Amino acid sequence: MDEAPALSRGRRWLRTVPTTLALCGLFVFVFAAEWYVWERFGYAAFVALFVATPEPSVGWLLAPLAHLPTDPRHLVSSVVQLLLFGGVVERRLGRRRFLALAAVSGLVTTGAQVAWYVALGASGRVAGTLGASGVVLAMTALVVVDSVRYRVAIGDWHGEFTPLWVFFGAVIAGQAVFGLLALAAGSAQVGVVGHLTGVVIGLGVGLARPTSAVLLSGD
């Protein structure tokens, strides 16, 4: 296999998803800011700026873009997943709808997780949450549903790599759904409710899109 054409195609594809690349860069920038605030000003300042709690705060704006600064692996996985699936969403929905989906899913998944903590009786920092996983999972679930709908209608995939996107996306979304088992067992270590809400948003948008729009979209 000739690597040059593959690399050229990859570069051309990246040039078509500038908003996705910008959002990936924003994830990295916010992570660096989190790390600096935590190291320079301490945990309390970090929570005040980057964690959404039941009380109104700037954390509600930054939490959907944030990752725990002690876990760079989570940042890397989010950026890679956003690039792969978010890029497809940007190409299929357009930049404005892509940004709208990112904003809505970020705030709704954050709110759902905080509401769950409050329902359990938690308050203050204990009821706080952060993480861009809800945004990324919404993008992932949307790509899976949209691709399957296209396949059913046309009898073929959008492109040669679409089956891989669908397979890995289904596995990732499935992990979020199976997180309910850990939640039921009381052993959940992540924001399961926020993750599941992201999947539901992606599924909902994917199913609500008009068939004509699905058939006109491309990777």
N, C-alpha and C. Protein backbone atom coordinates (compact mmCIF):
# COMPACT_ATOMS: atom_id res chain seq x y z
N MET A 1 0.84 -1.20 0.00
CA MET A 1 0.00 0.00 0.00
C MET A 1 0.87 1.25 0.00
N ASP A 2 0.58 2.17 -0.90
CA ASP A 2 1.37 3.39 -1.02
C ASP A 2 0.96 4.35 0.09
N GLU A 3 1.94 4.71 0.96
CA GLU A 3 1.62 5.54 2.10
C GLU A 3 1.40 7.00 1.71
N ALA A 4 2.07 7.46 0.64
CA ALA A 4 1.97 8.87 0.27
C ALA A 4 0.54 9.30 -0.04
N PRO A 5 -0.18 8.56 -0.91
CA PRO A 5 -1.58 8.96 -1.17
C PRO A 5 -2.44 8.91 0.09
N ALA A 6 -2.21 7.92 0.97
CA ALA A 6 -2.98 7.82 2.21
C ALA A 6 -2.74 9.04 3.10
N LEU A 7 -1.46 9.46 3.21
CA LEU A 7 -1.15 10.64 4.01
C LEU A 7 -1.74 11.89 3.39
N SER A 8 -1.71 11.95 2.07
CA SER A 8 -2.27 13.11 1.37
C SER A 8 -3.78 13.19 1.59
N ARG A 9 -4.44 12.04 1.53
CA ARG A 9 -5.88 12.01 1.77
C ARG A 9 -6.19 12.42 3.21
N GLY A 10 -5.35 11.96 4.14
CA GLY A 10 -5.56 12.32 5.54
C GLY A 10 -5.43 13.81 5.76
N ARG A 11 -4.42 14.42 5.15
CA ARG A 11 -4.24 15.87 5.28
C ARG A 11 -5.40 16.63 4.66
N ARG A 12 -5.87 16.16 3.51
CA ARG A 12 -7.01 16.82 2.87
C ARG A 12 -8.25 16.71 3.75
N TRP A 13 -8.43 15.54 4.36
CA TRP A 13 -9.59 15.34 5.23
C TRP A 13 -9.52 16.27 6.44
N LEU A 14 -8.35 16.42 7.03
CA LEU A 14 -8.19 17.30 8.19
C LEU A 14 -8.48 18.75 7.84
N ARG A 15 -8.15 19.15 6.62
CA ARG A 15 -8.42 20.53 6.22
C ARG A 15 -9.91 20.80 6.10
N THR A 16 -10.72 19.76 6.00
CA THR A 16 -12.16 19.95 5.88
C THR A 16 -12.88 19.99 7.24
N VAL A 17 -12.13 19.79 8.32
CA VAL A 17 -12.77 19.76 9.65
C VAL A 17 -12.08 20.75 10.60
N PRO A 18 -12.00 22.02 10.22
CA PRO A 18 -11.28 22.99 11.06
C PRO A 18 -11.94 23.21 12.42
N THR A 19 -13.26 23.11 12.49
CA THR A 19 -13.94 23.34 13.76
C THR A 19 -13.64 22.21 14.74
N THR A 20 -13.58 21.00 14.23
CA THR A 20 -13.21 19.86 15.07
C THR A 20 -11.80 20.02 15.60
N LEU A 21 -10.88 20.41 14.73
CA LEU A 21 -9.50 20.62 15.16
C LEU A 21 -9.42 21.74 16.20
N ALA A 22 -10.21 22.80 16.02
CA ALA A 22 -10.22 23.89 16.99
C ALA A 22 -10.74 23.41 18.34
N LEU A 23 -11.77 22.56 18.33
CA LEU A 23 -12.31 22.06 19.59
C LEU A 23 -11.31 21.13 20.27
N CYS A 24 -10.60 20.33 19.49
CA CYS A 24 -9.53 19.49 20.06
C CYS A 24 -8.46 20.37 20.72
N GLY A 25 -8.09 21.43 20.02
CA GLY A 25 -7.11 22.36 20.60
C GLY A 25 -7.62 23.02 21.86
N LEU A 26 -8.91 23.30 21.90
CA LEU A 26 -9.50 23.91 23.09
C LEU A 26 -9.46 22.94 24.27
N PHE A 27 -9.70 21.66 24.01
CA PHE A 27 -9.57 20.66 25.06
C PHE A 27 -8.17 20.69 25.67
N VAL A 28 -7.17 20.73 24.80
CA VAL A 28 -5.78 20.72 25.27
C VAL A 28 -5.47 22.01 26.04
N PHE A 29 -5.93 23.14 25.52
CA PHE A 29 -5.68 24.42 26.20
C PHE A 29 -6.31 24.44 27.59
N VAL A 30 -7.57 23.99 27.70
CA VAL A 30 -8.25 23.97 29.00
C VAL A 30 -7.54 23.02 29.95
N PHE A 31 -7.07 21.89 29.45
CA PHE A 31 -6.33 20.95 30.29
C PHE A 31 -5.08 21.60 30.87
N ALA A 32 -4.35 22.32 30.01
CA ALA A 32 -3.14 23.00 30.47
C ALA A 32 -3.48 24.06 31.52
N ALA A 33 -4.58 24.77 31.29
CA ALA A 33 -5.01 25.78 32.26
C ALA A 33 -5.40 25.14 33.59
N GLU A 34 -6.09 24.01 33.52
CA GLU A 34 -6.46 23.28 34.74
C GLU A 34 -5.21 22.89 35.54
N TRP A 35 -4.26 22.33 34.85
CA TRP A 35 -3.04 21.87 35.51
C TRP A 35 -2.33 23.06 36.18
N TYR A 36 -2.26 24.18 35.46
CA TYR A 36 -1.58 25.35 36.01
C TYR A 36 -2.31 25.86 37.26
N VAL A 37 -3.64 25.98 37.18
CA VAL A 37 -4.41 26.48 38.32
C VAL A 37 -4.27 25.55 39.51
N TRP A 38 -4.35 24.24 39.26
CA TRP A 38 -4.23 23.26 40.35
C TRP A 38 -2.86 23.38 41.03
N GLU A 39 -1.81 23.45 40.21
CA GLU A 39 -0.45 23.51 40.75
C GLU A 39 -0.15 24.86 41.40
N ARG A 40 -0.64 25.94 40.81
CA ARG A 40 -0.28 27.28 41.28
C ARG A 40 -1.19 27.77 42.40
N PHE A 41 -2.49 27.49 42.31
CA PHE A 41 -3.44 28.07 43.25
C PHE A 41 -4.16 27.03 44.12
N GLY A 42 -4.01 25.75 43.79
CA GLY A 42 -4.57 24.72 44.64
C GLY A 42 -5.90 24.16 44.16
N TYR A 43 -6.33 23.12 44.85
CA TYR A 43 -7.52 22.37 44.46
C TYR A 43 -8.79 23.22 44.51
N ALA A 44 -8.93 24.07 45.51
CA ALA A 44 -10.14 24.88 45.66
C ALA A 44 -10.34 25.80 44.45
N ALA A 45 -9.27 26.41 43.98
CA ALA A 45 -9.35 27.29 42.81
C ALA A 45 -9.70 26.48 41.56
N PHE A 46 -9.13 25.28 41.46
CA PHE A 46 -9.44 24.40 40.33
C PHE A 46 -10.93 24.08 40.30
N VAL A 47 -11.50 23.72 41.44
CA VAL A 47 -12.93 23.38 41.51
C VAL A 47 -13.78 24.59 41.15
N ALA A 48 -13.41 25.74 41.65
CA ALA A 48 -14.20 26.96 41.40
C ALA A 48 -14.26 27.30 39.92
N LEU A 49 -13.20 27.03 39.18
CA LEU A 49 -13.13 27.43 37.79
C LEU A 49 -13.57 26.35 36.80
N PHE A 50 -13.33 25.09 37.13
CA PHE A 50 -13.49 24.04 36.13
C PHE A 50 -14.51 22.95 36.47
N VAL A 51 -15.09 23.00 37.64
CA VAL A 51 -16.02 21.95 38.05
C VAL A 51 -17.43 22.53 38.18
N ALA A 52 -18.41 21.87 37.57
CA ALA A 52 -19.81 22.29 37.69
C ALA A 52 -20.40 21.69 38.95
N THR A 53 -20.95 22.53 39.80
CA THR A 53 -21.57 22.11 41.05
C THR A 53 -23.01 22.61 41.06
N PRO A 54 -23.80 22.24 42.07
CA PRO A 54 -25.19 22.72 42.11
C PRO A 54 -25.31 24.25 42.17
N GLU A 55 -24.27 24.92 42.62
CA GLU A 55 -24.29 26.37 42.67
C GLU A 55 -23.81 26.95 41.34
N PRO A 56 -24.42 28.07 40.88
CA PRO A 56 -23.97 28.70 39.63
C PRO A 56 -22.50 29.12 39.73
N SER A 57 -21.74 28.83 38.70
CA SER A 57 -20.33 29.20 38.69
C SER A 57 -19.80 29.13 37.26
N VAL A 58 -18.61 29.67 37.07
CA VAL A 58 -17.96 29.60 35.76
C VAL A 58 -17.65 28.16 35.39
N GLY A 59 -17.63 27.29 36.38
CA GLY A 59 -17.39 25.87 36.11
C GLY A 59 -18.40 25.27 35.17
N TRP A 60 -19.61 25.81 35.13
CA TRP A 60 -20.63 25.29 34.21
C TRP A 60 -20.25 25.53 32.74
N LEU A 61 -19.46 26.56 32.50
CA LEU A 61 -19.01 26.84 31.13
C LEU A 61 -17.78 26.03 30.77
N LEU A 62 -16.91 25.79 31.73
CA LEU A 62 -15.64 25.14 31.45
C LEU A 62 -15.66 23.63 31.69
N ALA A 63 -16.55 23.15 32.55
CA ALA A 63 -16.59 21.72 32.86
C ALA A 63 -16.79 20.85 31.61
N PRO A 64 -17.65 21.23 30.64
CA PRO A 64 -17.82 20.39 29.45
C PRO A 64 -16.57 20.32 28.57
N LEU A 65 -15.59 21.16 28.84
CA LEU A 65 -14.34 21.15 28.07
C LEU A 65 -13.19 20.57 28.89
N ALA A 66 -13.46 20.22 30.13
CA ALA A 66 -12.38 19.92 31.07
C ALA A 66 -12.16 18.42 31.26
N HIS A 67 -10.96 18.10 31.73
CA HIS A 67 -10.57 16.75 32.12
C HIS A 67 -9.79 16.85 33.43
N LEU A 68 -9.81 15.81 34.20
CA LEU A 68 -9.04 15.82 35.44
C LEU A 68 -7.56 16.00 35.10
N PRO A 69 -6.91 17.05 35.59
CA PRO A 69 -5.54 17.35 35.18
C PRO A 69 -4.50 16.33 35.64
N THR A 70 -4.91 15.41 36.50
CA THR A 70 -3.99 14.35 36.93
C THR A 70 -4.09 13.11 36.03
N ASP A 71 -4.94 13.18 34.99
CA ASP A 71 -5.14 12.01 34.12
C ASP A 71 -5.03 12.42 32.65
N PRO A 72 -3.81 12.63 32.15
CA PRO A 72 -3.65 13.04 30.75
C PRO A 72 -4.12 11.98 29.76
N ARG A 73 -4.19 10.72 30.17
CA ARG A 73 -4.64 9.67 29.26
C ARG A 73 -6.09 9.90 28.84
N HIS A 74 -6.90 10.42 29.77
CA HIS A 74 -8.29 10.72 29.44
C HIS A 74 -8.36 11.82 28.39
N LEU A 75 -7.50 12.82 28.53
CA LEU A 75 -7.46 13.89 27.54
C LEU A 75 -7.10 13.34 26.17
N VAL A 76 -6.08 12.50 26.11
CA VAL A 76 -5.63 11.94 24.83
C VAL A 76 -6.75 11.14 24.18
N SER A 77 -7.43 10.30 24.96
CA SER A 77 -8.50 9.48 24.39
C SER A 77 -9.65 10.35 23.90
N SER A 78 -9.97 11.42 24.63
CA SER A 78 -11.05 12.32 24.21
C SER A 78 -10.70 13.04 22.92
N VAL A 79 -9.46 13.51 22.82
CA VAL A 79 -9.03 14.24 21.62
C VAL A 79 -9.04 13.32 20.39
N VAL A 80 -8.53 12.11 20.55
CA VAL A 80 -8.52 11.17 19.43
C VAL A 80 -9.94 10.81 19.01
N GLN A 81 -10.78 10.54 19.99
CA GLN A 81 -12.17 10.17 19.69
C GLN A 81 -12.91 11.33 19.03
N LEU A 82 -12.69 12.54 19.55
CA LEU A 82 -13.33 13.72 18.96
C LEU A 82 -12.86 13.95 17.53
N LEU A 83 -11.57 13.77 17.29
CA LEU A 83 -11.05 13.97 15.95
C LEU A 83 -11.67 12.98 14.97
N LEU A 84 -11.76 11.71 15.37
CA LEU A 84 -12.27 10.68 14.47
C LEU A 84 -13.77 10.81 14.24
N PHE A 85 -14.53 10.95 15.32
CA PHE A 85 -15.99 10.98 15.20
C PHE A 85 -16.52 12.40 15.02
N GLY A 86 -15.94 13.35 15.75
CA GLY A 86 -16.38 14.72 15.59
C GLY A 86 -16.11 15.24 14.19
N GLY A 87 -15.00 14.83 13.60
CA GLY A 87 -14.70 15.25 12.24
C GLY A 87 -15.76 14.77 11.27
N VAL A 88 -16.22 13.54 11.44
CA VAL A 88 -17.28 13.00 10.58
C VAL A 88 -18.57 13.80 10.79
N VAL A 89 -18.87 14.11 12.05
CA VAL A 89 -20.08 14.89 12.33
C VAL A 89 -20.01 16.26 11.68
N GLU A 90 -18.87 16.92 11.76
CA GLU A 90 -18.72 18.24 11.14
C GLU A 90 -18.95 18.17 9.64
N ARG A 91 -18.41 17.14 9.01
CA ARG A 91 -18.58 17.01 7.56
C ARG A 91 -20.02 16.71 7.19
N ARG A 92 -20.72 15.96 8.02
CA ARG A 92 -22.09 15.58 7.69
C ARG A 92 -23.12 16.63 8.07
N LEU A 93 -22.93 17.30 9.19
CA LEU A 93 -23.91 18.26 9.67
C LEU A 93 -23.55 19.71 9.34
N GLY A 94 -22.28 19.97 9.09
CA GLY A 94 -21.85 21.34 8.89
C GLY A 94 -21.33 21.94 10.19
N ARG A 95 -20.60 23.03 10.09
CA ARG A 95 -19.92 23.59 11.25
C ARG A 95 -20.89 24.15 12.29
N ARG A 96 -21.93 24.82 11.86
CA ARG A 96 -22.84 25.44 12.82
C ARG A 96 -23.58 24.37 13.63
N ARG A 97 -24.09 23.35 12.96
CA ARG A 97 -24.79 22.29 13.68
C ARG A 97 -23.83 21.48 14.55
N PHE A 98 -22.60 21.34 14.08
CA PHE A 98 -21.59 20.66 14.89
C PHE A 98 -21.37 21.41 16.20
N LEU A 99 -21.20 22.73 16.11
CA LEU A 99 -20.99 23.54 17.31
C LEU A 99 -22.22 23.52 18.21
N ALA A 100 -23.41 23.54 17.60
CA ALA A 100 -24.64 23.49 18.40
C ALA A 100 -24.72 22.18 19.15
N LEU A 101 -24.39 21.09 18.49
CA LEU A 101 -24.42 19.78 19.16
C LEU A 101 -23.41 19.72 20.28
N ALA A 102 -22.22 20.25 20.06
CA ALA A 102 -21.18 20.25 21.10
C ALA A 102 -21.64 21.06 22.32
N ALA A 103 -22.22 22.24 22.06
CA ALA A 103 -22.64 23.10 23.17
C ALA A 103 -23.79 22.48 23.95
N VAL A 104 -24.80 22.00 23.24
CA VAL A 104 -25.97 21.43 23.91
C VAL A 104 -25.61 20.16 24.68
N SER A 105 -24.87 19.26 24.03
CA SER A 105 -24.52 18.01 24.69
C SER A 105 -23.61 18.26 25.89
N GLY A 106 -22.71 19.24 25.79
CA GLY A 106 -21.83 19.55 26.92
C GLY A 106 -22.60 20.03 28.14
N LEU A 107 -23.53 20.96 27.93
CA LEU A 107 -24.29 21.50 29.05
C LEU A 107 -25.31 20.50 29.60
N VAL A 108 -25.98 19.77 28.71
CA VAL A 108 -27.01 18.83 29.15
C VAL A 108 -26.40 17.65 29.90
N THR A 109 -25.30 17.11 29.39
CA THR A 109 -24.68 15.97 30.08
C THR A 109 -24.10 16.40 31.43
N THR A 110 -23.54 17.60 31.48
CA THR A 110 -23.04 18.12 32.75
C THR A 110 -24.19 18.29 33.74
N GLY A 111 -25.29 18.89 33.28
CA GLY A 111 -26.43 19.09 34.14
C GLY A 111 -27.04 17.79 34.62
N ALA A 112 -27.07 16.78 33.74
CA ALA A 112 -27.64 15.49 34.12
C ALA A 112 -26.82 14.83 35.22
N GLN A 113 -25.49 14.93 35.11
CA GLN A 113 -24.64 14.30 36.12
C GLN A 113 -24.76 15.02 37.47
N VAL A 114 -24.78 16.35 37.44
CA VAL A 114 -24.93 17.11 38.68
C VAL A 114 -26.30 16.81 39.31
N ALA A 115 -27.34 16.76 38.49
CA ALA A 115 -28.69 16.47 39.01
C ALA A 115 -28.74 15.10 39.66
N TRP A 116 -28.02 14.14 39.08
CA TRP A 116 -27.99 12.80 39.67
C TRP A 116 -27.33 12.82 41.05
N TYR A 117 -26.22 13.53 41.15
CA TYR A 117 -25.55 13.63 42.45
C TYR A 117 -26.47 14.29 43.49
N VAL A 118 -27.17 15.35 43.07
CA VAL A 118 -28.07 16.03 43.99
C VAL A 118 -29.20 15.10 44.41
N ALA A 119 -29.72 14.32 43.46
CA ALA A 119 -30.79 13.37 43.77
C ALA A 119 -30.34 12.33 44.79
N LEU A 120 -29.05 12.05 44.79
CA LEU A 120 -28.51 11.09 45.76
C LEU A 120 -28.24 11.73 47.12
N GLY A 121 -28.42 13.04 47.18
CA GLY A 121 -28.23 13.73 48.45
C GLY A 121 -26.89 14.41 48.61
N ALA A 122 -26.08 14.40 47.56
CA ALA A 122 -24.78 15.06 47.64
C ALA A 122 -24.95 16.57 47.48
N SER A 123 -23.95 17.32 47.91
CA SER A 123 -24.00 18.77 47.79
C SER A 123 -22.59 19.32 47.69
N GLY A 124 -22.50 20.60 47.31
CA GLY A 124 -21.20 21.25 47.23
C GLY A 124 -20.27 20.57 46.24
N ARG A 125 -18.98 20.48 46.58
CA ARG A 125 -18.00 19.89 45.68
C ARG A 125 -18.27 18.42 45.40
N VAL A 126 -18.88 17.74 46.39
CA VAL A 126 -19.15 16.31 46.21
C VAL A 126 -20.10 16.08 45.05
N ALA A 127 -20.96 17.06 44.76
CA ALA A 127 -21.92 16.94 43.67
C ALA A 127 -21.38 17.54 42.38
N GLY A 128 -20.10 17.83 42.32
CA GLY A 128 -19.51 18.45 41.14
C GLY A 128 -19.09 17.44 40.10
N THR A 129 -18.99 17.91 38.88
CA THR A 129 -18.55 17.04 37.79
C THR A 129 -17.80 17.86 36.75
N LEU A 130 -17.03 17.19 35.95
CA LEU A 130 -16.34 17.80 34.83
C LEU A 130 -16.06 16.71 33.80
N GLY A 131 -15.67 17.11 32.63
CA GLY A 131 -15.31 16.11 31.63
C GLY A 131 -16.02 16.34 30.32
N ALA A 132 -15.28 16.20 29.25
CA ALA A 132 -15.81 16.39 27.91
C ALA A 132 -16.37 15.11 27.31
N SER A 133 -16.43 14.06 28.11
CA SER A 133 -16.87 12.77 27.59
C SER A 133 -18.28 12.81 27.04
N GLY A 134 -19.16 13.60 27.66
CA GLY A 134 -20.52 13.68 27.17
C GLY A 134 -20.59 14.22 25.75
N VAL A 135 -19.78 15.23 25.46
CA VAL A 135 -19.72 15.80 24.11
C VAL A 135 -19.23 14.76 23.11
N VAL A 136 -18.14 14.10 23.47
CA VAL A 136 -17.52 13.13 22.56
C VAL A 136 -18.44 11.93 22.33
N LEU A 137 -19.12 11.48 23.37
CA LEU A 137 -20.02 10.34 23.22
C LEU A 137 -21.24 10.70 22.37
N ALA A 138 -21.72 11.92 22.46
CA ALA A 138 -22.83 12.34 21.61
C ALA A 138 -22.41 12.29 20.14
N MET A 139 -21.21 12.78 19.84
CA MET A 139 -20.70 12.71 18.47
C MET A 139 -20.57 11.27 18.00
N THR A 140 -20.05 10.43 18.86
CA THR A 140 -19.81 9.03 18.51
C THR A 140 -21.12 8.31 18.20
N ALA A 141 -22.11 8.46 19.09
CA ALA A 141 -23.39 7.79 18.89
C ALA A 141 -24.09 8.29 17.63
N LEU A 142 -23.96 9.58 17.35
CA LEU A 142 -24.57 10.14 16.15
C LEU A 142 -23.98 9.52 14.89
N VAL A 143 -22.68 9.37 14.84
CA VAL A 143 -22.03 8.78 13.67
C VAL A 143 -22.50 7.35 13.45
N VAL A 144 -22.63 6.59 14.54
CA VAL A 144 -23.08 5.20 14.42
C VAL A 144 -24.48 5.14 13.83
N VAL A 145 -25.42 5.89 14.41
CA VAL A 145 -26.81 5.85 13.94
C VAL A 145 -26.93 6.38 12.52
N ASP A 146 -26.29 7.49 12.25
CA ASP A 146 -26.36 8.11 10.93
C ASP A 146 -25.80 7.17 9.86
N SER A 147 -24.71 6.51 10.17
CA SER A 147 -24.08 5.60 9.20
C SER A 147 -24.95 4.38 8.93
N VAL A 148 -25.54 3.84 10.00
CA VAL A 148 -26.41 2.67 9.83
C VAL A 148 -27.66 3.05 9.03
N ARG A 149 -28.22 4.22 9.29
CA ARG A 149 -29.39 4.66 8.51
C ARG A 149 -29.03 4.79 7.02
N TYR A 150 -27.86 5.33 6.73
CA TYR A 150 -27.41 5.47 5.34
C TYR A 150 -27.25 4.09 4.70
N ARG A 151 -26.65 3.16 5.44
CA ARG A 151 -26.44 1.81 4.95
C ARG A 151 -27.76 1.12 4.63
N VAL A 152 -28.74 1.27 5.52
CA VAL A 152 -30.05 0.64 5.32
C VAL A 152 -30.74 1.22 4.09
N ALA A 153 -30.61 2.54 3.90
CA ALA A 153 -31.31 3.20 2.80
C ALA A 153 -30.64 2.96 1.45
N ILE A 154 -29.31 2.94 1.43
CA ILE A 154 -28.57 2.87 0.17
C ILE A 154 -28.07 1.46 -0.13
N GLY A 155 -27.80 0.70 0.92
CA GLY A 155 -27.22 -0.62 0.73
C GLY A 155 -25.71 -0.60 0.69
N ASP A 156 -25.11 0.55 1.04
CA ASP A 156 -23.66 0.68 1.05
C ASP A 156 -23.29 1.69 2.13
N TRP A 157 -21.99 1.74 2.46
CA TRP A 157 -21.52 2.69 3.46
C TRP A 157 -21.12 4.00 2.81
N HIS A 158 -20.94 5.03 3.64
CA HIS A 158 -20.46 6.32 3.13
C HIS A 158 -19.11 6.18 2.46
N GLY A 159 -18.20 5.44 3.08
CA GLY A 159 -16.85 5.29 2.58
C GLY A 159 -16.24 3.98 3.04
N GLU A 160 -15.01 3.73 2.62
CA GLU A 160 -14.38 2.44 2.92
C GLU A 160 -14.07 2.25 4.39
N PHE A 161 -13.91 3.36 5.13
CA PHE A 161 -13.58 3.24 6.55
C PHE A 161 -14.80 3.35 7.45
N THR A 162 -15.96 3.65 6.88
CA THR A 162 -17.15 3.82 7.70
C THR A 162 -17.49 2.60 8.56
N PRO A 163 -17.36 1.36 8.04
CA PRO A 163 -17.66 0.21 8.91
C PRO A 163 -16.80 0.18 10.17
N LEU A 164 -15.53 0.61 10.06
CA LEU A 164 -14.67 0.66 11.24
C LEU A 164 -15.18 1.71 12.23
N TRP A 165 -15.58 2.87 11.71
CA TRP A 165 -16.13 3.93 12.56
C TRP A 165 -17.35 3.39 13.31
N VAL A 166 -18.22 2.68 12.58
CA VAL A 166 -19.44 2.16 13.20
C VAL A 166 -19.11 1.13 14.26
N PHE A 167 -18.19 0.24 13.97
CA PHE A 167 -17.85 -0.83 14.93
C PHE A 167 -17.26 -0.24 16.21
N PHE A 168 -16.23 0.57 16.06
CA PHE A 168 -15.58 1.14 17.25
C PHE A 168 -16.52 2.10 17.98
N GLY A 169 -17.32 2.85 17.22
CA GLY A 169 -18.27 3.76 17.86
C GLY A 169 -19.30 3.00 18.67
N ALA A 170 -19.78 1.88 18.13
CA ALA A 170 -20.76 1.07 18.85
C ALA A 170 -20.16 0.49 20.13
N VAL A 171 -18.90 0.08 20.06
CA VAL A 171 -18.22 -0.45 21.24
C VAL A 171 -18.09 0.62 22.31
N ILE A 172 -17.68 1.82 21.90
CA ILE A 172 -17.50 2.92 22.85
C ILE A 172 -18.83 3.31 23.48
N ALA A 173 -19.87 3.46 22.64
CA ALA A 173 -21.18 3.83 23.17
C ALA A 173 -21.73 2.71 24.06
N GLY A 174 -21.46 1.46 23.67
CA GLY A 174 -21.92 0.33 24.47
C GLY A 174 -21.30 0.32 25.86
N GLN A 175 -20.04 0.72 25.95
CA GLN A 175 -19.39 0.78 27.26
C GLN A 175 -20.10 1.78 28.17
N ALA A 176 -20.54 2.90 27.59
CA ALA A 176 -21.25 3.89 28.38
C ALA A 176 -22.58 3.33 28.88
N VAL A 177 -23.26 2.57 28.02
CA VAL A 177 -24.54 1.98 28.42
C VAL A 177 -24.32 0.93 29.51
N PHE A 178 -23.31 0.10 29.35
CA PHE A 178 -23.05 -0.93 30.35
C PHE A 178 -22.55 -0.33 31.68
N GLY A 179 -22.18 0.95 31.64
CA GLY A 179 -21.82 1.63 32.87
C GLY A 179 -22.97 1.67 33.85
N LEU A 180 -24.19 1.46 33.35
CA LEU A 180 -25.36 1.41 34.23
C LEU A 180 -25.24 0.27 35.23
N LEU A 181 -24.58 -0.81 34.82
CA LEU A 181 -24.41 -1.94 35.74
C LEU A 181 -23.56 -1.53 36.93
N ALA A 182 -22.47 -0.80 36.65
CA ALA A 182 -21.62 -0.31 37.74
C ALA A 182 -22.38 0.69 38.60
N LEU A 183 -23.22 1.49 37.95
CA LEU A 183 -24.01 2.47 38.70
C LEU A 183 -24.99 1.76 39.64
N ALA A 184 -25.63 0.71 39.12
CA ALA A 184 -26.57 -0.04 39.94
C ALA A 184 -25.88 -0.75 41.10
N ALA A 185 -24.63 -1.18 40.85
CA ALA A 185 -23.89 -1.89 41.88
C ALA A 185 -23.22 -0.94 42.87
N GLY A 186 -23.30 0.36 42.58
CA GLY A 186 -22.69 1.35 43.47
C GLY A 186 -21.19 1.43 43.36
N SER A 187 -20.64 0.95 42.24
CA SER A 187 -19.19 0.94 42.07
C SER A 187 -18.71 1.86 40.95
N ALA A 188 -19.59 2.71 40.44
CA ALA A 188 -19.22 3.59 39.33
C ALA A 188 -18.17 4.59 39.77
N GLN A 189 -17.09 4.70 38.98
CA GLN A 189 -16.00 5.61 39.30
C GLN A 189 -15.97 6.83 38.38
N VAL A 190 -16.87 6.86 37.40
CA VAL A 190 -16.91 7.97 36.45
C VAL A 190 -18.34 8.49 36.38
N GLY A 191 -18.52 9.56 35.59
CA GLY A 191 -19.84 10.16 35.46
C GLY A 191 -20.73 9.37 34.54
N VAL A 192 -21.24 8.24 35.00
CA VAL A 192 -22.02 7.33 34.16
C VAL A 192 -23.26 8.01 33.60
N VAL A 193 -23.95 8.78 34.43
CA VAL A 193 -25.18 9.43 33.97
C VAL A 193 -24.88 10.43 32.85
N GLY A 194 -23.81 11.20 33.02
CA GLY A 194 -23.41 12.13 31.97
C GLY A 194 -23.03 11.42 30.69
N HIS A 195 -22.30 10.31 30.81
CA HIS A 195 -21.90 9.53 29.64
C HIS A 195 -23.13 9.00 28.91
N LEU A 196 -24.04 8.40 29.68
CA LEU A 196 -25.24 7.83 29.06
C LEU A 196 -26.10 8.92 28.42
N THR A 197 -26.17 10.07 29.05
CA THR A 197 -26.93 11.18 28.47
C THR A 197 -26.33 11.60 27.13
N GLY A 198 -25.01 11.62 27.04
CA GLY A 198 -24.37 11.94 25.76
C GLY A 198 -24.74 10.96 24.68
N VAL A 199 -24.75 9.67 25.01
CA VAL A 199 -25.14 8.65 24.03
C VAL A 199 -26.59 8.86 23.59
N VAL A 200 -27.46 9.14 24.54
CA VAL A 200 -28.87 9.35 24.22
C VAL A 200 -29.05 10.55 23.30
N ILE A 201 -28.31 11.63 23.56
CA ILE A 201 -28.40 12.81 22.70
C ILE A 201 -27.96 12.47 21.28
N GLY A 202 -26.83 11.77 21.15
CA GLY A 202 -26.36 11.39 19.83
C GLY A 202 -27.34 10.50 19.10
N LEU A 203 -27.90 9.53 19.81
CA LEU A 203 -28.90 8.65 19.20
C LEU A 203 -30.12 9.44 18.77
N GLY A 204 -30.56 10.35 19.62
CA GLY A 204 -31.74 11.14 19.30
C GLY A 204 -31.56 12.00 18.07
N VAL A 205 -30.41 12.69 18.00
CA VAL A 205 -30.14 13.54 16.83
C VAL A 205 -30.01 12.67 15.58
N GLY A 206 -29.34 11.53 15.71
CA GLY A 206 -29.17 10.65 14.56
C GLY A 206 -30.49 10.12 14.03
N LEU A 207 -31.41 9.80 14.92
CA LEU A 207 -32.71 9.28 14.50
C LEU A 207 -33.64 10.38 13.99
N ALA A 208 -33.44 11.61 14.50
CA ALA A 208 -34.33 12.72 14.14
C ALA A 208 -33.96 13.36 12.81
N ARG A 209 -32.75 13.14 12.34
CA ARG A 209 -32.34 13.77 11.08
C ARG A 209 -33.22 13.28 9.93
N PRO A 210 -33.67 14.18 9.06
CA PRO A 210 -34.47 13.75 7.90
C PRO A 210 -33.66 12.78 7.03
N THR A 211 -34.34 11.82 6.47
CA THR A 211 -33.67 10.84 5.61
C THR A 211 -32.95 11.52 4.46
N SER A 212 -33.55 12.57 3.93
CA SER A 212 -32.90 13.28 2.81
C SER A 212 -31.56 13.85 3.23
N ALA A 213 -31.47 14.36 4.45
CA ALA A 213 -30.21 14.91 4.95
C ALA A 213 -29.19 13.80 5.16
N VAL A 214 -29.63 12.66 5.65
CA VAL A 214 -28.74 11.52 5.85
C VAL A 214 -28.15 11.08 4.52
N LEU A 215 -28.97 11.01 3.49
CA LEU A 215 -28.52 10.51 2.19
C LEU A 215 -27.58 11.50 1.49
N LEU A 216 -27.68 12.77 1.83
CA LEU A 216 -26.83 13.78 1.20
C LEU A 216 -25.51 13.98 1.91
N SER A 217 -25.40 13.43 3.10
CA SER A 217 -24.17 13.64 3.88
C SER A 217 -23.05 12.75 3.37
N GLY A 218 -21.82 13.15 3.69
CA GLY A 218 -20.66 12.37 3.27
C GLY A 218 -19.57 12.44 4.29
N ASP A 219 -18.62 11.50 4.20
CA ASP A 219 -17.48 11.47 5.12
C ASP A 219 -16.32 12.27 4.57
